[in-house]
Amino acid sequence: MITKATRLTLGDHSLHRLTLEPITAPQGGLVFFHGQGDFIDRYPPILSPFVDVGYRSVLTDLPGHGRSSGKRGHVPGLSFIDELLADSLDQLEGPLIVAGHSMGGLMALRLLLLNPGRFQAAWFSSPLLSILDRTHPILAQILPRLARLIPRFTIGTGVTSEQCGDFGEGPRTDRPEEGALFHSRISLGWGVELCRATETVWQKIACAPPATPVLLTQGAQDPVCPPGLLKDLLGQASFDRKTIEMIPEALHEPFSGSSRENFMARLRSWIETTLVTS
């Protein structure tokens, strides 16, 4: 795998991008979206099984995240995500996969449902399916009004490293020096946009579930995106081409900490049976 780092300008933002190139000629492409407060530099080892079977992968730090410009925690909106998807797909050819973790899993799921027939397959890791369940009831009621007045104002997400994985004495990222790239902020404007995205997903999946193969991975002990929400969502969807991998010992990031080896084995197995032998 060859990792290329570049910068691109999209709207008013300078964004950090990684392109993961297969050693041989690409057989397809993958677009990956990271989580809230997350960043892309930690994901090449996790996405390597896709690259190993020929999928060129494009990952971009969203505005306000990682090495991209912008106020920490503020993303301009869902229209920006749509523009970023279009730009990412311009870098790819062949069969396409859309994937993401947590908030990025929500973005990927929304894009899959809004673009039927566009993707060959999808992978959602611990997808964010509700934002209001983690919000004080009073704030939830006034959030839309506040967001119109002060959209860039940020608040804490409340998510901690301890909720994400059992790291023991080790760091959350493979490169300890990258730890400062994490943050736990979200803007009011972006919070409202995420609420819109969850509404779209719950509505769309009931009436037009995806026809493509889908992998859903989730930590059974996830305190950030509770597994019960995923169960409820799947109860509304009648599609059959889904694989659910619930990692018993895992928290919010099944690919991190002590559950990583188990997770990676399941991911490679799905890739082998779904992408390679199909």
C-alpha atoms as a PDB file:
ATOM      1  CA  MET A   1       0.000   0.000   0.000  1.00  0.00           C
ATOM      2  CA  ILE A   2       1.257   3.448  -0.957  1.00  0.00           C
ATOM      3  CA  THR A   3      -0.051   6.371   1.102  1.00  0.00           C
ATOM      4  CA  LYS A   4      -0.184   9.801  -0.543  1.00  0.00           C
ATOM      5  CA  ALA A   5      -0.958  12.974   1.431  1.00  0.00           C
ATOM      6  CA  THR A   6      -2.307  15.985  -0.454  1.00  0.00           C
ATOM      7  CA  ARG A   7      -4.245  19.178   0.197  1.00  0.00           C
ATOM      8  CA  LEU A   8      -7.311  20.323  -1.669  1.00  0.00           C
ATOM      9  CA  THR A   9      -9.435  23.447  -1.558  1.00  0.00           C
ATOM     10  CA  LEU A  10     -13.177  22.982  -1.327  1.00  0.00           C
ATOM     11  CA  GLY A  11     -15.246  26.100  -0.771  1.00  0.00           C
ATOM     12  CA  ASP A  12     -13.399  28.237   1.768  1.00  0.00           C
ATOM     13  CA  HIS A  13     -11.560  25.303   3.314  1.00  0.00           C
ATOM     14  CA  SER A  14      -8.120  23.788   2.879  1.00  0.00           C
ATOM     15  CA  LEU A  15      -8.495  20.077   3.510  1.00  0.00           C
ATOM     16  CA  HIS A  16      -6.046  17.308   4.326  1.00  0.00           C
ATOM     17  CA  ARG A  17      -6.500  14.175   2.211  1.00  0.00           C
ATOM     18  CA  LEU A  18      -4.950  10.723   2.137  1.00  0.00           C
ATOM     19  CA  THR A  19      -5.116   8.456  -0.905  1.00  0.00           C
ATOM     20  CA  LEU A  20      -4.274   4.815  -0.280  1.00  0.00           C
ATOM     21  CA  GLU A  21      -2.983   3.227  -3.483  1.00  0.00           C
ATOM     22  CA  PRO A  22      -2.893  -0.539  -4.103  1.00  0.00           C
ATOM     23  CA  ILE A  23       0.444  -1.957  -5.199  1.00  0.00           C
ATOM     24  CA  THR A  24      -1.204  -3.319  -8.353  1.00  0.00           C
ATOM     25  CA  ALA A  25      -3.669  -1.587 -10.684  1.00  0.00           C
ATOM     26  CA  PRO A  26      -6.819  -0.494  -8.772  1.00  0.00           C
ATOM     27  CA  GLN A  27      -9.873  -2.720  -9.135  1.00  0.00           C
ATOM     28  CA  GLY A  28     -12.282  -0.238  -7.538  1.00  0.00           C
ATOM     29  CA  GLY A  29     -12.530   2.684  -5.147  1.00  0.00           C
ATOM     30  CA  LEU A  30     -13.556   3.447  -1.562  1.00  0.00           C
ATOM     31  CA  VAL A  31     -14.569   6.722   0.100  1.00  0.00           C
ATOM     32  CA  PHE A  32     -14.259   6.815   3.901  1.00  0.00           C
ATOM     33  CA  PHE A  33     -15.661   9.362   6.396  1.00  0.00           C
ATOM     34  CA  HIS A  34     -14.200   9.734   9.897  1.00  0.00           C
ATOM     35  CA  GLY A  35     -16.087  10.417  13.129  1.00  0.00           C
ATOM     36  CA  GLN A  36     -16.790  13.647  15.007  1.00  0.00           C
ATOM     37  CA  GLY A  37     -13.586  14.889  16.618  1.00  0.00           C
ATOM     38  CA  ASP A  38     -11.686  12.213  14.703  1.00  0.00           C
ATOM     39  CA  PHE A  39      -9.077  12.402  11.923  1.00  0.00           C
ATOM     40  CA  ILE A  40      -8.009  10.317   8.942  1.00  0.00           C
ATOM     41  CA  ASP A  41      -4.318   9.687   9.639  1.00  0.00           C
ATOM     42  CA  ARG A  42      -5.183   6.841  12.009  1.00  0.00           C
ATOM     43  CA  TYR A  43      -7.208   4.873   9.439  1.00  0.00           C
ATOM     44  CA  PRO A  44      -4.759   3.544   6.798  1.00  0.00           C
ATOM     45  CA  PRO A  45      -3.993   0.383   8.841  1.00  0.00           C
ATOM     46  CA  ILE A  46      -7.722  -0.223   9.313  1.00  0.00           C
ATOM     47  CA  LEU A  47      -8.518   0.255   5.628  1.00  0.00           C
ATOM     48  CA  SER A  48      -5.526  -1.770   4.427  1.00  0.00           C
ATOM     49  CA  PRO A  49      -7.621  -4.941   3.827  1.00  0.00           C
ATOM     50  CA  PHE A  50      -9.637  -3.026   1.202  1.00  0.00           C
ATOM     51  CA  VAL A  51      -6.488  -1.671  -0.419  1.00  0.00           C
ATOM     52  CA  ASP A  52      -4.857  -5.101  -0.408  1.00  0.00           C
ATOM     53  CA  VAL A  53      -7.618  -6.440  -2.675  1.00  0.00           C
ATOM     54  CA  GLY A  54      -7.343  -3.499  -5.075  1.00  0.00           C
ATOM     55  CA  TYR A  55      -9.543  -0.671  -3.762  1.00  0.00           C
ATOM     56  CA  ARG A  56      -7.964   2.764  -4.020  1.00  0.00           C
ATOM     57  CA  SER A  57      -9.206   4.580  -0.911  1.00  0.00           C
ATOM     58  CA  VAL A  58      -9.791   8.311  -0.417  1.00  0.00           C
ATOM     59  CA  LEU A  59     -10.017   9.802   3.085  1.00  0.00           C
ATOM     60  CA  THR A  60     -10.377  13.518   3.853  1.00  0.00           C
ATOM     61  CA  ASP A  61     -10.318  15.385   7.162  1.00  0.00           C
ATOM     62  CA  LEU A  62     -13.554  17.362   7.357  1.00  0.00           C
ATOM     63  CA  PRO A  63     -13.356  21.105   8.103  1.00  0.00           C
ATOM     64  CA  GLY A  64     -12.612  21.679  11.775  1.00  0.00           C
ATOM     65  CA  HIS A  65     -11.009  18.256  12.095  1.00  0.00           C
ATOM     66  CA  GLY A  66      -7.524  16.778  11.956  1.00  0.00           C
ATOM     67  CA  ARG A  67      -5.182  18.692   9.694  1.00  0.00           C
ATOM     68  CA  SER A  68      -7.924  20.543   7.782  1.00  0.00           C
ATOM     69  CA  SER A  69      -8.731  24.221   8.284  1.00  0.00           C
ATOM     70  CA  GLY A  70     -11.714  25.549  10.197  1.00  0.00           C
ATOM     71  CA  LYS A  71     -13.046  25.984  13.709  1.00  0.00           C
ATOM     72  CA  ARG A  72     -12.762  22.795  15.735  1.00  0.00           C
ATOM     73  CA  GLY A  73     -16.029  20.859  15.554  1.00  0.00           C
ATOM     74  CA  HIS A  74     -17.748  22.954  12.878  1.00  0.00           C
ATOM     75  CA  VAL A  75     -18.618  21.433   9.501  1.00  0.00           C
ATOM     76  CA  PRO A  76     -20.427  23.774   7.047  1.00  0.00           C
ATOM     77  CA  GLY A  77     -23.317  21.393   6.393  1.00  0.00           C
ATOM     78  CA  LEU A  78     -24.608  18.349   4.549  1.00  0.00           C
ATOM     79  CA  SER A  79     -24.265  20.110   1.198  1.00  0.00           C
ATOM     80  CA  PHE A  80     -20.533  20.305   1.893  1.00  0.00           C
ATOM     81  CA  ILE A  81     -20.478  16.539   2.501  1.00  0.00           C
ATOM     82  CA  ASP A  82     -22.202  16.037  -0.861  1.00  0.00           C
ATOM     83  CA  GLU A  83     -19.571  18.204  -2.581  1.00  0.00           C
ATOM     84  CA  LEU A  84     -16.792  16.304  -0.841  1.00  0.00           C
ATOM     85  CA  LEU A  85     -18.249  12.995  -1.991  1.00  0.00           C
ATOM     86  CA  ALA A  86     -18.365  14.220  -5.593  1.00  0.00           C
ATOM     87  CA  ASP A  87     -14.762  15.412  -5.404  1.00  0.00           C
ATOM     88  CA  SER A  88     -13.643  12.129  -3.838  1.00  0.00           C
ATOM     89  CA  LEU A  89     -15.411  10.044  -6.481  1.00  0.00           C
ATOM     90  CA  ASP A  90     -13.597  12.027  -9.177  1.00  0.00           C
ATOM     91  CA  GLN A  91     -10.413  10.360  -7.884  1.00  0.00           C
ATOM     92  CA  LEU A  92     -11.821   6.845  -8.231  1.00  0.00           C
ATOM     93  CA  GLU A  93     -13.018   4.429 -10.891  1.00  0.00           C
ATOM     94  CA  GLY A  94     -14.553   0.989 -11.075  1.00  0.00           C
ATOM     95  CA  PRO A  95     -16.884  -0.508  -8.443  1.00  0.00           C
ATOM     96  CA  LEU A  96     -17.304   1.869  -5.499  1.00  0.00           C
ATOM     97  CA  ILE A  97     -17.640   1.413  -1.731  1.00  0.00           C
ATOM     98  CA  VAL A  98     -18.796   4.058   0.761  1.00  0.00           C
ATOM     99  CA  ALA A  99     -17.752   3.651   4.389  1.00  0.00           C
ATOM    100  CA  GLY A 100     -17.433   5.539   7.639  1.00  0.00           C
ATOM    101  CA  HIS A 101     -17.181   5.378  11.414  1.00  0.00           C
ATOM    102  CA  SER A 102     -19.611   6.907  13.940  1.00  0.00           C
ATOM    103  CA  MET A 103     -20.629  10.319  12.566  1.00  0.00           C
ATOM    104  CA  GLY A 104     -18.843   9.239   9.388  1.00  0.00           C
ATOM    105  CA  GLY A 105     -20.940   6.074   9.399  1.00  0.00           C
ATOM    106  CA  LEU A 106     -24.047   8.266   9.449  1.00  0.00           C
ATOM    107  CA  MET A 107     -22.673  10.308   6.541  1.00  0.00           C
ATOM    108  CA  ALA A 108     -21.892   7.152   4.562  1.00  0.00           C
ATOM    109  CA  LEU A 109     -25.302   5.597   5.277  1.00  0.00           C
ATOM    110  CA  ARG A 110     -27.084   8.790   4.235  1.00  0.00           C
ATOM    111  CA  LEU A 111     -25.095   8.925   0.992  1.00  0.00           C
ATOM    112  CA  LEU A 112     -25.801   5.268   0.230  1.00  0.00           C
ATOM    113  CA  LEU A 113     -29.547   5.798   0.671  1.00  0.00           C
ATOM    114  CA  LEU A 114     -29.584   9.022  -1.371  1.00  0.00           C
ATOM    115  CA  ASN A 115     -27.587   7.501  -4.240  1.00  0.00           C
ATOM    116  CA  PRO A 116     -29.191   4.119  -5.035  1.00  0.00           C
ATOM    117  CA  GLY A 117     -27.163   2.102  -7.502  1.00  0.00           C
ATOM    118  CA  ARG A 118     -24.066   4.285  -7.085  1.00  0.00           C
ATOM    119  CA  PHE A 119     -22.120   1.974  -4.761  1.00  0.00           C
ATOM    120  CA  GLN A 120     -21.230  -1.691  -5.024  1.00  0.00           C
ATOM    121  CA  ALA A 121     -21.049  -2.160  -1.258  1.00  0.00           C
ATOM    122  CA  ALA A 122     -20.888  -0.251   2.024  1.00  0.00           C
ATOM    123  CA  TRP A 123     -19.369  -0.543   5.496  1.00  0.00           C
ATOM    124  CA  PHE A 124     -20.701   1.314   8.530  1.00  0.00           C
ATOM    125  CA  SER A 125     -18.754   1.209  11.786  1.00  0.00           C
ATOM    126  CA  SER A 126     -20.742   2.115  14.927  1.00  0.00           C
ATOM    127  CA  PRO A 127     -22.962   4.529  12.954  1.00  0.00           C
ATOM    128  CA  LEU A 128     -24.367   7.582  14.724  1.00  0.00           C
ATOM    129  CA  LEU A 129     -28.137   7.068  14.454  1.00  0.00           C
ATOM    130  CA  SER A 130     -29.369   9.653  16.956  1.00  0.00           C
ATOM    131  CA  ILE A 131     -27.837  12.828  18.316  1.00  0.00           C
ATOM    132  CA  LEU A 132     -30.664  13.980  20.567  1.00  0.00           C
ATOM    133  CA  ASP A 133     -30.460  10.947  22.869  1.00  0.00           C
ATOM    134  CA  ARG A 134     -27.158  12.379  24.145  1.00  0.00           C
ATOM    135  CA  THR A 135     -28.548  15.921  24.465  1.00  0.00           C
ATOM    136  CA  HIS A 136     -30.276  17.532  27.444  1.00  0.00           C
ATOM    137  CA  PRO A 137     -34.043  17.712  26.676  1.00  0.00           C
ATOM    138  CA  ILE A 138     -34.156  21.495  27.079  1.00  0.00           C
ATOM    139  CA  LEU A 139     -31.169  21.993  24.781  1.00  0.00           C
ATOM    140  CA  ALA A 140     -32.740  19.648  22.233  1.00  0.00           C
ATOM    141  CA  GLN A 141     -35.825  21.854  22.104  1.00  0.00           C
ATOM    142  CA  ILE A 142     -33.973  25.132  21.630  1.00  0.00           C
ATOM    143  CA  LEU A 143     -31.095  23.788  19.530  1.00  0.00           C
ATOM    144  CA  PRO A 144     -32.584  24.732  16.117  1.00  0.00           C
ATOM    145  CA  ARG A 145     -33.208  28.330  17.223  1.00  0.00           C
ATOM    146  CA  LEU A 146     -29.753  28.668  18.782  1.00  0.00           C
ATOM    147  CA  ALA A 147     -28.157  27.173  15.672  1.00  0.00           C
ATOM    148  CA  ARG A 148     -29.741  29.843  13.493  1.00  0.00           C
ATOM    149  CA  LEU A 149     -28.377  32.568  15.758  1.00  0.00           C
ATOM    150  CA  ILE A 150     -24.907  31.189  16.516  1.00  0.00           C
ATOM    151  CA  PRO A 151     -24.245  28.251  14.152  1.00  0.00           C
ATOM    152  CA  ARG A 152     -20.479  28.200  14.762  1.00  0.00           C
ATOM    153  CA  PHE A 153     -20.751  28.150  18.566  1.00  0.00           C
ATOM    154  CA  THR A 154     -19.357  24.846  19.850  1.00  0.00           C
ATOM    155  CA  ILE A 155     -20.143  22.654  22.832  1.00  0.00           C
ATOM    156  CA  GLY A 156     -18.561  19.469  24.151  1.00  0.00           C
ATOM    157  CA  THR A 157     -19.718  16.137  22.746  1.00  0.00           C
ATOM    158  CA  GLY A 158     -19.103  14.373  26.040  1.00  0.00           C
ATOM    159  CA  VAL A 159     -17.274  11.543  24.269  1.00  0.00           C
ATOM    160  CA  THR A 160     -14.075  10.379  25.974  1.00  0.00           C
ATOM    161  CA  SER A 161     -11.259   8.027  24.988  1.00  0.00           C
ATOM    162  CA  GLU A 162     -12.395   5.630  27.715  1.00  0.00           C
ATOM    163  CA  GLN A 163     -15.735   5.232  25.919  1.00  0.00           C
ATOM    164  CA  CYS A 164     -14.039   4.426  22.634  1.00  0.00           C
ATOM    165  CA  GLY A 165     -11.794   1.498  23.432  1.00  0.00           C
ATOM    166  CA  ASP A 166      -9.916  -0.565  25.974  1.00  0.00           C
ATOM    167  CA  PHE A 167      -6.455   0.796  25.285  1.00  0.00           C
ATOM    168  CA  GLY A 168      -4.730  -0.422  28.431  1.00  0.00           C
ATOM    169  CA  GLU A 169      -1.498   1.534  28.750  1.00  0.00           C
ATOM    170  CA  GLY A 170      -1.317   2.244  25.014  1.00  0.00           C
ATOM    171  CA  PRO A 171      -2.405   5.336  23.051  1.00  0.00           C
ATOM    172  CA  ARG A 172      -5.665   5.616  21.115  1.00  0.00           C
ATOM    173  CA  THR A 173      -3.763   6.083  17.844  1.00  0.00           C
ATOM    174  CA  ASP A 174      -0.920   4.038  16.379  1.00  0.00           C
ATOM    175  CA  ARG A 175       1.167   7.244  16.439  1.00  0.00           C
ATOM    176  CA  PRO A 176       1.138   8.836  19.907  1.00  0.00           C
ATOM    177  CA  GLU A 177       2.240  12.196  18.497  1.00  0.00           C
ATOM    178  CA  GLU A 178      -1.107  12.429  16.672  1.00  0.00           C
ATOM    179  CA  GLY A 179      -3.103  12.396  19.921  1.00  0.00           C
ATOM    180  CA  ALA A 180      -3.499  16.186  19.869  1.00  0.00           C
ATOM    181  CA  LEU A 181      -5.510  15.912  16.634  1.00  0.00           C
ATOM    182  CA  PHE A 182      -8.485  14.481  18.540  1.00  0.00           C
ATOM    183  CA  HIS A 183     -11.067  16.916  19.877  1.00  0.00           C
ATOM    184  CA  SER A 184     -14.492  16.705  21.556  1.00  0.00           C
ATOM    185  CA  ARG A 185     -16.319  19.731  20.106  1.00  0.00           C
ATOM    186  CA  ILE A 186     -19.369  20.104  17.895  1.00  0.00           C
ATOM    187  CA  SER A 187     -20.969  23.297  16.615  1.00  0.00           C
ATOM    188  CA  LEU A 188     -24.666  23.986  17.045  1.00  0.00           C
ATOM    189  CA  GLY A 189     -25.114  24.385  13.305  1.00  0.00           C
ATOM    190  CA  TRP A 190     -23.459  21.060  12.555  1.00  0.00           C
ATOM    191  CA  GLY A 191     -25.465  19.407  15.327  1.00  0.00           C
ATOM    192  CA  VAL A 192     -28.710  20.450  13.644  1.00  0.00           C
ATOM    193  CA  GLU A 193     -27.408  19.128  10.316  1.00  0.00           C
ATOM    194  CA  LEU A 194     -26.645  15.782  11.943  1.00  0.00           C
ATOM    195  CA  CYS A 195     -30.212  15.685  13.256  1.00  0.00           C
ATOM    196  CA  ARG A 196     -31.417  16.210   9.693  1.00  0.00           C
ATOM    197  CA  ALA A 197     -29.160  13.400   8.501  1.00  0.00           C
ATOM    198  CA  THR A 198     -30.512  10.950  11.098  1.00  0.00           C
ATOM    199  CA  GLU A 199     -34.089  11.826  10.129  1.00  0.00           C
ATOM    200  CA  THR A 200     -33.276  11.141   6.474  1.00  0.00           C
ATOM    201  CA  VAL A 201     -31.720   7.773   7.298  1.00  0.00           C
ATOM    202  CA  TRP A 202     -34.630   6.570   9.431  1.00  0.00           C
ATOM    203  CA  GLN A 203     -37.147   7.646   6.786  1.00  0.00           C
ATOM    204  CA  LYS A 204     -35.290   6.333   3.743  1.00  0.00           C
ATOM    205  CA  ILE A 205     -34.260   2.958   5.089  1.00  0.00           C
ATOM    206  CA  ALA A 206     -37.856   2.019   5.850  1.00  0.00           C
ATOM    207  CA  CYS A 207     -39.157   2.716   2.335  1.00  0.00           C
ATOM    208  CA  ALA A 208     -36.051   2.157   0.200  1.00  0.00           C
ATOM    209  CA  PRO A 209     -33.512  -0.100   1.944  1.00  0.00           C
ATOM    210  CA  PRO A 210     -30.169  -0.568   0.178  1.00  0.00           C
ATOM    211  CA  ALA A 211     -29.905  -3.383  -2.337  1.00  0.00           C
ATOM    212  CA  THR A 212     -26.108  -3.587  -2.131  1.00  0.00           C
ATOM    213  CA  PRO A 213     -24.104  -5.725   0.339  1.00  0.00           C
ATOM    214  CA  VAL A 214     -23.684  -3.877   3.630  1.00  0.00           C
ATOM    215  CA  LEU A 215     -21.350  -4.621   6.539  1.00  0.00           C
ATOM    216  CA  LEU A 216     -22.346  -3.227   9.940  1.00  0.00           C
ATOM    217  CA  THR A 217     -19.790  -3.445  12.739  1.00  0.00           C
ATOM    218  CA  GLN A 218     -20.572  -2.426  16.298  1.00  0.00           C
ATOM    219  CA  GLY A 219     -19.167  -2.830  19.762  1.00  0.00           C
ATOM    220  CA  ALA A 220     -21.701  -4.626  21.944  1.00  0.00           C
ATOM    221  CA  GLN A 221     -20.624  -2.422  24.868  1.00  0.00           C
ATOM    222  CA  ASP A 222     -20.695   0.845  22.880  1.00  0.00           C
ATOM    223  CA  PRO A 223     -21.812   3.714  25.189  1.00  0.00           C
ATOM    224  CA  VAL A 224     -21.606   6.382  22.451  1.00  0.00           C
ATOM    225  CA  CYS A 225     -23.786   4.874  19.711  1.00  0.00           C
ATOM    226  CA  PRO A 226     -25.852   2.286  21.602  1.00  0.00           C
ATOM    227  CA  PRO A 227     -26.331  -1.048  19.777  1.00  0.00           C
ATOM    228  CA  GLY A 228     -30.046  -0.867  20.548  1.00  0.00           C
ATOM    229  CA  LEU A 229     -30.438   1.984  18.067  1.00  0.00           C
ATOM    230  CA  LEU A 230     -28.883  -0.121  15.323  1.00  0.00           C
ATOM    231  CA  LYS A 231     -31.222  -2.993  16.182  1.00  0.00           C
ATOM    232  CA  ASP A 232     -34.210  -0.634  15.984  1.00  0.00           C
ATOM    233  CA  LEU A 233     -33.072   0.730  12.622  1.00  0.00           C
ATOM    234  CA  LEU A 234     -32.597  -2.716  11.137  1.00  0.00           C
ATOM    235  CA  GLY A 235     -36.045  -3.655  12.395  1.00  0.00           C
ATOM    236  CA  GLN A 236     -37.434  -1.132   9.917  1.00  0.00           C
ATOM    237  CA  ALA A 237     -35.385  -2.391   6.955  1.00  0.00           C
ATOM    238  CA  SER A 238     -36.290  -5.514   5.004  1.00  0.00           C
ATOM    239  CA  PHE A 239     -33.044  -5.875   3.063  1.00  0.00           C
ATOM    240  CA  ASP A 240     -31.255  -9.213   3.153  1.00  0.00           C
ATOM    241  CA  ARG A 241     -27.760  -8.393   1.896  1.00  0.00           C
ATOM    242  CA  LYS A 242     -26.476  -7.232   5.248  1.00  0.00           C
ATOM    243  CA  THR A 243     -23.832  -8.670   7.541  1.00  0.00           C
ATOM    244  CA  ILE A 244     -23.868  -7.632  11.197  1.00  0.00           C
ATOM    245  CA  GLU A 245     -20.706  -8.112  13.210  1.00  0.00           C
ATOM    246  CA  MET A 246     -21.364  -7.340  16.877  1.00  0.00           C
ATOM    247  CA  ILE A 247     -18.032  -7.457  18.729  1.00  0.00           C
ATOM    248  CA  PRO A 248     -18.888  -8.684  22.262  1.00  0.00           C
ATOM    249  CA  GLU A 249     -16.052  -7.026  24.180  1.00  0.00           C
ATOM    250  CA  ALA A 250     -15.788  -3.816  22.153  1.00  0.00           C
ATOM    251  CA  LEU A 251     -16.711  -0.238  22.999  1.00  0.00           C
ATOM    252  CA  HIS A 252     -17.300   2.535  20.440  1.00  0.00           C
ATOM    253  CA  GLU A 253     -14.233   1.764  18.320  1.00  0.00           C
ATOM    254  CA  PRO A 254     -14.129  -2.009  17.724  1.00  0.00           C
ATOM    255  CA  PHE A 255     -10.991  -1.494  15.609  1.00  0.00           C
ATOM    256  CA  SER A 256      -9.090  -0.040  18.603  1.00  0.00           C
ATOM    257  CA  GLY A 257      -7.642  -1.424  21.787  1.00  0.00           C
ATOM    258  CA  SER A 258      -8.011  -5.042  22.856  1.00  0.00           C
ATOM    259  CA  SER A 259     -10.832  -5.829  20.381  1.00  0.00           C
ATOM    260  CA  ARG A 260      -8.817  -4.804  17.317  1.00  0.00           C
ATOM    261  CA  GLU A 261      -7.538  -8.255  16.319  1.00  0.00           C
ATOM    262  CA  ASN A 262     -11.025  -9.768  16.500  1.00  0.00           C
ATOM    263  CA  PHE A 263     -12.469  -6.862  14.520  1.00  0.00           C
ATOM    264  CA  MET A 264      -9.852  -6.974  11.776  1.00  0.00           C
ATOM    265  CA  ALA A 265     -10.361 -10.730  11.309  1.00  0.00           C
ATOM    266  CA  ARG A 266     -14.100 -10.182  10.780  1.00  0.00           C
ATOM    267  CA  LEU A 267     -13.503  -7.277   8.397  1.00  0.00           C
ATOM    268  CA  ARG A 268     -11.080  -9.316   6.274  1.00  0.00           C
ATOM    269  CA  SER A 269     -13.514 -12.233   6.193  1.00  0.00           C
ATOM    270  CA  TRP A 270     -16.345 -10.009   4.884  1.00  0.00           C
ATOM    271  CA  ILE A 271     -14.069  -8.475   2.257  1.00  0.00           C
ATOM    272  CA  GLU A 272     -12.950 -11.922   1.105  1.00  0.00           C
ATOM    273  CA  THR A 273     -16.451 -13.372   0.860  1.00  0.00           C
ATOM    274  CA  THR A 274     -18.246 -10.256  -0.440  1.00  0.00           C
ATOM    275  CA  LEU A 275     -15.777  -8.305  -2.576  1.00  0.00           C
ATOM    276  CA  VAL A 276     -13.270 -10.899  -3.736  1.00  0.00           C
ATOM    277  CA  THR A 277     -15.393 -13.984  -4.386  1.00  0.00           C
ATOM    278  CA  SER A 278     -18.603 -12.234  -5.508  1.00  0.00           C
END
